PDB file of N, CA and C in Angstrom:
ATOM      1  N   MET A   1       2.599 -21.420   5.471  1.00  0.00           N
ATOM      2  CA  MET A   1       1.783 -20.411   6.118  1.00  0.00           C
ATOM      3  C   MET A   1       2.409 -19.026   5.986  1.00  0.00           C
ATOM      4  N   ALA A   2       3.708 -18.937   6.215  1.00  0.00           N
ATOM      5  CA  ALA A   2       4.387 -17.650   6.093  1.00  0.00           C
ATOM      6  C   ALA A   2       4.317 -17.134   4.664  1.00  0.00           C
ATOM      7  N   ASN A   3       4.406 -18.054   3.689  1.00  0.00           N
ATOM      8  CA  ASN A   3       4.329 -17.641   2.289  1.00  0.00           C
ATOM      9  C   ASN A   3       2.953 -17.075   1.961  1.00  0.00           C
ATOM     10  N   ALA A   4       1.914 -17.655   2.514  1.00  0.00           N
ATOM     11  CA  ALA A   4       0.557 -17.160   2.272  1.00  0.00           C
ATOM     12  C   ALA A   4       0.395 -15.767   2.883  1.00  0.00           C
ATOM     13  N   HIS A   5       0.954 -15.580   4.072  1.00  0.00           N
ATOM     14  CA  HIS A   5       0.876 -14.271   4.731  1.00  0.00           C
ATOM     15  C   HIS A   5       1.652 -13.232   3.917  1.00  0.00           C
ATOM     16  N   LEU A   6       2.829 -13.598   3.453  1.00  0.00           N
ATOM     17  CA  LEU A   6       3.648 -12.705   2.642  1.00  0.00           C
ATOM     18  C   LEU A   6       2.940 -12.364   1.329  1.00  0.00           C
ATOM     19  N   ALA A   7       2.318 -13.354   0.720  1.00  0.00           N
ATOM     20  CA  ALA A   7       1.569 -13.115  -0.520  1.00  0.00           C
ATOM     21  C   ALA A   7       0.400 -12.166  -0.267  1.00  0.00           C
ATOM     22  N   SER A   8      -0.257 -12.339   0.866  1.00  0.00           N
ATOM     23  CA  SER A   8      -1.372 -11.461   1.227  1.00  0.00           C
ATOM     24  C   SER A   8      -0.884 -10.023   1.423  1.00  0.00           C
ATOM     25  N   LEU A   9       0.253  -9.869   2.100  1.00  0.00           N
ATOM     26  CA  LEU A   9       0.814  -8.535   2.315  1.00  0.00           C
ATOM     27  C   LEU A   9       1.197  -7.895   0.981  1.00  0.00           C
ATOM     28  N   ASN A  10       1.792  -8.681   0.097  1.00  0.00           N
ATOM     29  CA  ASN A  10       2.177  -8.162  -1.216  1.00  0.00           C
ATOM     30  C   ASN A  10       0.949  -7.740  -2.027  1.00  0.00           C
ATOM     31  N   ALA A  11      -0.120  -8.513  -1.927  1.00  0.00           N
ATOM     32  CA  ALA A  11      -1.358  -8.177  -2.642  1.00  0.00           C
ATOM     33  C   ALA A  11      -1.952  -6.877  -2.100  1.00  0.00           C
ATOM     34  N   ARG A  12      -1.961  -6.727  -0.774  1.00  0.00           N
ATOM     35  CA  ARG A  12      -2.476  -5.496  -0.173  1.00  0.00           C
ATOM     36  C   ARG A  12      -1.615  -4.303  -0.567  1.00  0.00           C
ATOM     37  N   HIS A  13      -0.292  -4.504  -0.614  1.00  0.00           N
ATOM     38  CA  HIS A  13       0.633  -3.443  -1.011  1.00  0.00           C
ATOM     39  C   HIS A  13       0.353  -3.013  -2.452  1.00  0.00           C
ATOM     40  N   ALA A  14       0.151  -3.984  -3.336  1.00  0.00           N
ATOM     41  CA  ALA A  14      -0.146  -3.677  -4.738  1.00  0.00           C
ATOM     42  C   ALA A  14      -1.477  -2.940  -4.862  1.00  0.00           C
ATOM     43  N   ALA A  15      -2.461  -3.341  -4.073  1.00  0.00           N
ATOM     44  CA  ALA A  15      -3.764  -2.678  -4.110  1.00  0.00           C
ATOM     45  C   ALA A  15      -3.648  -1.231  -3.633  1.00  0.00           C
ATOM     46  N   LEU A  16      -2.851  -1.009  -2.596  1.00  0.00           N
ATOM     47  CA  LEU A  16      -2.643   0.349  -2.109  1.00  0.00           C
ATOM     48  C   LEU A  16      -1.908   1.182  -3.151  1.00  0.00           C
ATOM     49  N   ASP A  17      -0.947   0.567  -3.820  1.00  0.00           N
ATOM     50  CA  ASP A  17      -0.214   1.263  -4.875  1.00  0.00           C
ATOM     51  C   ASP A  17      -1.178   1.716  -5.973  1.00  0.00           C
ATOM     52  N   ALA A  18      -2.100   0.850  -6.335  1.00  0.00           N
ATOM     53  CA  ALA A  18      -3.100   1.195  -7.343  1.00  0.00           C
ATOM     54  C   ALA A  18      -4.017   2.323  -6.842  1.00  0.00           C
ATOM     55  N   SER A  19      -4.367   2.283  -5.573  1.00  0.00           N
ATOM     56  CA  SER A  19      -5.222   3.327  -4.996  1.00  0.00           C
ATOM     57  C   SER A  19      -4.508   4.671  -4.979  1.00  0.00           C
ATOM     58  N   VAL A  20      -3.224   4.663  -4.619  1.00  0.00           N
ATOM     59  CA  VAL A  20      -2.430   5.895  -4.626  1.00  0.00           C
ATOM     60  C   VAL A  20      -2.369   6.447  -6.045  1.00  0.00           C
ATOM     61  N   ASP A  21      -2.113   5.583  -7.002  1.00  0.00           N
ATOM     62  CA  ASP A  21      -2.026   6.000  -8.402  1.00  0.00           C
ATOM     63  C   ASP A  21      -3.354   6.598  -8.878  1.00  0.00           C
ATOM     64  N   ALA A  22      -4.445   5.939  -8.550  1.00  0.00           N
ATOM     65  CA  ALA A  22      -5.766   6.426  -8.959  1.00  0.00           C
ATOM     66  C   ALA A  22      -6.070   7.781  -8.327  1.00  0.00           C
ATOM     67  N   GLU A  23      -5.717   7.927  -7.063  1.00  0.00           N
ATOM     68  CA  GLU A  23      -5.985   9.192  -6.369  1.00  0.00           C
ATOM     69  C   GLU A  23      -5.152  10.325  -6.974  1.00  0.00           C
ATOM     70  N   THR A  24      -3.918  10.072  -7.322  1.00  0.00           N
ATOM     71  CA  THR A  24      -3.074  11.130  -7.880  1.00  0.00           C
ATOM     72  C   THR A  24      -3.531  11.541  -9.282  1.00  0.00           C
ATOM     73  N   ARG A  25      -4.258  10.677  -9.963  1.00  0.00           N
ATOM     74  CA  ARG A  25      -4.748  10.991 -11.311  1.00  0.00           C
ATOM     75  C   ARG A  25      -6.025  11.820 -11.292  1.00  0.00           C
ATOM     76  N   ARG A  26      -6.660  11.934 -10.136  1.00  0.00           N
ATOM     77  CA  ARG A  26      -7.876  12.743 -10.046  1.00  0.00           C
ATOM     78  C   ARG A  26      -7.534  14.213 -10.268  1.00  0.00           C
ATOM     79  N   PRO A  27      -8.482  14.983 -10.790  1.00  0.00           N
ATOM     80  CA  PRO A  27      -8.219  16.413 -11.006  1.00  0.00           C
ATOM     81  C   PRO A  27      -7.827  17.150  -9.717  1.00  0.00           C
ATOM     82  N   LEU A  28      -8.484  16.824  -8.618  1.00  0.00           N
ATOM     83  CA  LEU A  28      -8.150  17.419  -7.319  1.00  0.00           C
ATOM     84  C   LEU A  28      -7.946  16.297  -6.303  1.00  0.00           C
ATOM     85  N   PRO A  29      -6.734  15.735  -6.253  1.00  0.00           N
ATOM     86  CA  PRO A  29      -6.483  14.620  -5.323  1.00  0.00           C
ATOM     87  C   PRO A  29      -6.713  15.033  -3.870  1.00  0.00           C
ATOM     88  N   ASP A  30      -7.263  14.119  -3.111  1.00  0.00           N
ATOM     89  CA  ASP A  30      -7.484  14.332  -1.680  1.00  0.00           C
ATOM     90  C   ASP A  30      -6.161  14.080  -0.965  1.00  0.00           C
ATOM     91  N   GLN A  31      -5.517  15.145  -0.514  1.00  0.00           N
ATOM     92  CA  GLN A  31      -4.189  15.035   0.092  1.00  0.00           C
ATOM     93  C   GLN A  31      -4.199  14.238   1.396  1.00  0.00           C
ATOM     94  N   VAL A  32      -5.273  14.343   2.147  1.00  0.00           N
ATOM     95  CA  VAL A  32      -5.378  13.591   3.399  1.00  0.00           C
ATOM     96  C   VAL A  32      -5.473  12.092   3.095  1.00  0.00           C
ATOM     97  N   ARG A  33      -6.291  11.749   2.121  1.00  0.00           N
ATOM     98  CA  ARG A  33      -6.429  10.333   1.723  1.00  0.00           C
ATOM     99  C   ARG A  33      -5.112   9.809   1.163  1.00  0.00           C
ATOM    100  N   LEU A  34      -4.442  10.608   0.347  1.00  0.00           N
ATOM    101  CA  LEU A  34      -3.152  10.200  -0.205  1.00  0.00           C
ATOM    102  C   LEU A  34      -2.143   9.927   0.902  1.00  0.00           C
ATOM    103  N   ALA A  35      -2.087  10.799   1.882  1.00  0.00           N
ATOM    104  CA  ALA A  35      -1.141  10.624   2.994  1.00  0.00           C
ATOM    105  C   ALA A  35      -1.448   9.344   3.761  1.00  0.00           C
ATOM    106  N   ARG A  36      -2.750   9.077   3.991  1.00  0.00           N
ATOM    107  CA  ARG A  36      -3.143   7.867   4.716  1.00  0.00           C
ATOM    108  C   ARG A  36      -2.765   6.618   3.931  1.00  0.00           C
ATOM    109  N   LEU A  37      -3.048   6.636   2.630  1.00  0.00           N
ATOM    110  CA  LEU A  37      -2.713   5.485   1.783  1.00  0.00           C
ATOM    111  C   LEU A  37      -1.206   5.241   1.748  1.00  0.00           C
ATOM    112  N   LYS A  38      -0.446   6.309   1.621  1.00  0.00           N
ATOM    113  CA  LYS A  38       1.014   6.170   1.562  1.00  0.00           C
ATOM    114  C   LYS A  38       1.589   5.667   2.884  1.00  0.00           C
ATOM    115  N   ARG A  39       1.025   6.145   4.002  1.00  0.00           N
ATOM    116  CA  ARG A  39       1.476   5.666   5.319  1.00  0.00           C
ATOM    117  C   ARG A  39       1.212   4.174   5.461  1.00  0.00           C
ATOM    118  N   GLU A  40       0.011   3.753   5.083  1.00  0.00           N
ATOM    119  CA  GLU A  40      -0.356   2.341   5.180  1.00  0.00           C
ATOM    120  C   GLU A  40       0.529   1.499   4.259  1.00  0.00           C
ATOM    121  N   LYS A  41       0.795   2.005   3.072  1.00  0.00           N
ATOM    122  CA  LYS A  41       1.652   1.301   2.115  1.00  0.00           C
ATOM    123  C   LYS A  41       3.068   1.137   2.674  1.00  0.00           C
ATOM    124  N   LEU A  42       3.587   2.185   3.304  1.00  0.00           N
ATOM    125  CA  LEU A  42       4.919   2.123   3.895  1.00  0.00           C
ATOM    126  C   LEU A  42       4.970   1.108   5.036  1.00  0.00           C
ATOM    127  N   LYS A  43       3.934   1.076   5.867  1.00  0.00           N
ATOM    128  CA  LYS A  43       3.887   0.092   6.960  1.00  0.00           C
ATOM    129  C   LYS A  43       3.914  -1.330   6.406  1.00  0.00           C
ATOM    130  N   LEU A  44       3.156  -1.568   5.341  1.00  0.00           N
ATOM    131  CA  LEU A  44       3.151  -2.895   4.724  1.00  0.00           C
ATOM    132  C   LEU A  44       4.524  -3.235   4.151  1.00  0.00           C
ATOM    133  N   LYS A  45       5.147  -2.270   3.497  1.00  0.00           N
ATOM    134  CA  LYS A  45       6.474  -2.498   2.924  1.00  0.00           C
ATOM    135  C   LYS A  45       7.471  -2.871   4.015  1.00  0.00           C
ATOM    136  N   GLU A  46       7.419  -2.160   5.139  1.00  0.00           N
ATOM    137  CA  GLU A  46       8.315  -2.457   6.259  1.00  0.00           C
ATOM    138  C   GLU A  46       8.052  -3.856   6.813  1.00  0.00           C
ATOM    139  N   GLU A  47       6.801  -4.242   6.919  1.00  0.00           N
ATOM    140  CA  GLU A  47       6.479  -5.577   7.416  1.00  0.00           C
ATOM    141  C   GLU A  47       6.953  -6.657   6.434  1.00  0.00           C
ATOM    142  N   ILE A  48       6.792  -6.411   5.146  1.00  0.00           N
ATOM    143  CA  ILE A  48       7.255  -7.363   4.123  1.00  0.00           C
ATOM    144  C   ILE A  48       8.761  -7.526   4.224  1.00  0.00           C
ATOM    145  N   GLU A  49       9.479  -6.410   4.350  1.00  0.00           N
ATOM    146  CA  GLU A  49      10.935  -6.475   4.453  1.00  0.00           C
ATOM    147  C   GLU A  49      11.370  -7.202   5.726  1.00  0.00           C
ATOM    148  N   ARG A  50      10.644  -6.978   6.803  1.00  0.00           N
ATOM    149  CA  ARG A  50      10.965  -7.635   8.082  1.00  0.00           C
ATOM    150  C   ARG A  50      10.805  -9.163   7.978  1.00  0.00           C
ATOM    151  N   LEU A  51       9.819  -9.604   7.188  1.00  0.00           N
ATOM    152  CA  LEU A  51       9.558 -11.028   7.062  1.00  0.00           C
ATOM    153  C   LEU A  51      10.535 -11.748   6.123  1.00  0.00           C
ATOM    154  N   HIS A  52      11.226 -10.988   5.297  1.00  0.00           N
ATOM    155  CA  HIS A  52      12.187 -11.613   4.387  1.00  0.00           C
ATOM    156  C   HIS A  52      13.408 -12.024   5.099  1.00  0.00           C
TER     157      HIS A  52
END
């Protein structure tokens, strides 16, 4: 069960990473959206590290 939760967190983290990358490639990136995505990504990273 813990492995499934960890895998889910890792998948969400990867998806956020892709979203951050896509947003930064736009001609005029939305800075508010970027900040929100990065904050959420950091929270997931901290939770993943806590579970290890």
